[in-house]
Amino acid sequence: ILFTLIDGPKKFSDVEKFIPGISSRMLAERFKELELQGIIKKTVFPETPVRIEYKLTRKGLDLHDTFQTIGAWAEKWN
């Protein structure tokens, strides 16, 4: 989830497409957990239809270097 948001805000459906096999319910639960932890921010746009976007907070963006390190490790050992 966090990796998908690293390059900017995304809609729920965009993140859902990126993670094969995840249910909408599970994704919604994870979004709530990450929002409670202050890692992502949910923005509701009062449009018709309502548009909701999720983005990383500064706390979430701080994980970028960690993602790169894990990615390098995965490439080395796969």
C-alpha atoms as a PDB file:
ATOM      1  CA  ILE A   1       0.000   0.000   0.000  1.00  0.00           C
ATOM      2  CA  LEU A   2       2.695   2.443   1.016  1.00  0.00           C
ATOM      3  CA  PHE A   3       4.802   1.670  -2.028  1.00  0.00           C
ATOM      4  CA  THR A   4       1.894   2.533  -4.331  1.00  0.00           C
ATOM      5  CA  LEU A   5       1.510   5.951  -2.695  1.00  0.00           C
ATOM      6  CA  ILE A   6       5.195   6.886  -2.827  1.00  0.00           C
ATOM      7  CA  ASP A   7       4.805   8.738  -6.137  1.00  0.00           C
ATOM      8  CA  GLY A   8       1.694  10.699  -5.145  1.00  0.00           C
ATOM      9  CA  PRO A   9      -1.973  10.526  -4.140  1.00  0.00           C
ATOM     10  CA  LYS A  10      -4.093   7.630  -5.386  1.00  0.00           C
ATOM     11  CA  LYS A  11      -7.732   6.627  -5.387  1.00  0.00           C
ATOM     12  CA  PHE A  12      -8.799   3.479  -3.550  1.00  0.00           C
ATOM     13  CA  SER A  13      -9.364   1.631  -6.837  1.00  0.00           C
ATOM     14  CA  ASP A  14      -5.864   2.523  -8.098  1.00  0.00           C
ATOM     15  CA  VAL A  15      -4.244   0.991  -5.029  1.00  0.00           C
ATOM     16  CA  GLU A  16      -6.577  -2.015  -5.186  1.00  0.00           C
ATOM     17  CA  LYS A  17      -5.526  -2.740  -8.798  1.00  0.00           C
ATOM     18  CA  PHE A  18      -1.856  -2.645  -7.812  1.00  0.00           C
ATOM     19  CA  ILE A  19      -2.244  -5.330  -5.122  1.00  0.00           C
ATOM     20  CA  PRO A  20      -3.511  -8.567  -6.655  1.00  0.00           C
ATOM     21  CA  GLY A  21      -5.757 -10.679  -4.484  1.00  0.00           C
ATOM     22  CA  ILE A  22      -6.504  -8.100  -1.798  1.00  0.00           C
ATOM     23  CA  SER A  23     -10.164  -7.708  -0.944  1.00  0.00           C
ATOM     24  CA  SER A  24     -11.782  -4.282  -0.752  1.00  0.00           C
ATOM     25  CA  ARG A  25     -12.575  -4.918   2.896  1.00  0.00           C
ATOM     26  CA  MET A  26      -8.978  -5.790   3.761  1.00  0.00           C
ATOM     27  CA  LEU A  27      -7.650  -2.753   1.900  1.00  0.00           C
ATOM     28  CA  ALA A  28     -10.131  -0.468   3.668  1.00  0.00           C
ATOM     29  CA  GLU A  29      -9.037  -1.876   7.039  1.00  0.00           C
ATOM     30  CA  ARG A  30      -5.366  -1.316   6.227  1.00  0.00           C
ATOM     31  CA  PHE A  31      -6.081   2.246   5.094  1.00  0.00           C
ATOM     32  CA  LYS A  32      -7.817   2.936   8.421  1.00  0.00           C
ATOM     33  CA  GLU A  33      -4.885   1.504  10.380  1.00  0.00           C
ATOM     34  CA  LEU A  34      -2.342   3.535   8.414  1.00  0.00           C
ATOM     35  CA  GLU A  35      -4.421   6.677   8.817  1.00  0.00           C
ATOM     36  CA  LEU A  36      -4.648   6.138  12.594  1.00  0.00           C
ATOM     37  CA  GLN A  37      -0.859   5.762  12.698  1.00  0.00           C
ATOM     38  CA  GLY A  38      -0.432   9.069  10.844  1.00  0.00           C
ATOM     39  CA  ILE A  39       1.265   7.399   7.878  1.00  0.00           C
ATOM     40  CA  ILE A  40      -1.386   8.231   5.275  1.00  0.00           C
ATOM     41  CA  LYS A  41      -3.962  10.986   4.913  1.00  0.00           C
ATOM     42  CA  LYS A  42      -7.417  10.509   3.470  1.00  0.00           C
ATOM     43  CA  THR A  43      -8.864  13.487   1.593  1.00  0.00           C
ATOM     44  CA  VAL A  44     -12.554  13.602   0.668  1.00  0.00           C
ATOM     45  CA  PHE A  45     -13.436  15.979  -2.158  1.00  0.00           C
ATOM     46  CA  PRO A  46     -17.040  17.246  -1.993  1.00  0.00           C
ATOM     47  CA  GLU A  47     -17.837  16.540  -5.623  1.00  0.00           C
ATOM     48  CA  THR A  48     -20.516  14.511  -7.333  1.00  0.00           C
ATOM     49  CA  PRO A  49     -19.643  11.696  -7.212  1.00  0.00           C
ATOM     50  CA  VAL A  50     -17.513  12.053  -4.097  1.00  0.00           C
ATOM     51  CA  ARG A  51     -13.811  11.597  -4.805  1.00  0.00           C
ATOM     52  CA  ILE A  52     -11.487  10.210  -2.135  1.00  0.00           C
ATOM     53  CA  GLU A  53      -7.715  10.204  -2.372  1.00  0.00           C
ATOM     54  CA  TYR A  54      -5.057   8.738  -0.128  1.00  0.00           C
ATOM     55  CA  LYS A  55      -1.549  10.099   0.174  1.00  0.00           C
ATOM     56  CA  LEU A  56       1.476   9.624   2.357  1.00  0.00           C
ATOM     57  CA  THR A  57       2.034  12.091   5.162  1.00  0.00           C
ATOM     58  CA  ARG A  58       5.516  13.391   5.962  1.00  0.00           C
ATOM     59  CA  LYS A  59       5.820  10.455   8.356  1.00  0.00           C
ATOM     60  CA  GLY A  60       4.903   8.069   5.533  1.00  0.00           C
ATOM     61  CA  LEU A  61       7.246   9.725   3.046  1.00  0.00           C
ATOM     62  CA  ASP A  62      10.047   9.252   5.535  1.00  0.00           C
ATOM     63  CA  LEU A  63       9.824   5.520   4.744  1.00  0.00           C
ATOM     64  CA  HIS A  64      11.089   6.082   1.165  1.00  0.00           C
ATOM     65  CA  ASP A  65      14.712   5.232   1.998  1.00  0.00           C
ATOM     66  CA  THR A  66      13.562   2.114   3.822  1.00  0.00           C
ATOM     67  CA  PHE A  67      11.656   0.981   0.703  1.00  0.00           C
ATOM     68  CA  GLN A  68      14.751   1.479  -1.429  1.00  0.00           C
ATOM     69  CA  THR A  69      16.887  -0.537   0.980  1.00  0.00           C
ATOM     70  CA  ILE A  70      14.376  -3.388   1.077  1.00  0.00           C
ATOM     71  CA  GLY A  71      14.132  -3.315  -2.726  1.00  0.00           C
ATOM     72  CA  ALA A  72      17.913  -3.568  -3.067  1.00  0.00           C
ATOM     73  CA  TRP A  73      17.954  -6.462  -0.612  1.00  0.00           C
ATOM     74  CA  ALA A  74      15.181  -8.278  -2.530  1.00  0.00           C
ATOM     75  CA  GLU A  75      17.030  -7.879  -5.837  1.00  0.00           C
ATOM     76  CA  LYS A  76      20.223  -9.204  -4.304  1.00  0.00           C
ATOM     77  CA  TRP A  77      18.597 -12.313  -2.867  1.00  0.00           C
ATOM     78  CA  ASN A  78      16.120 -13.221  -5.626  1.00  0.00           C
END
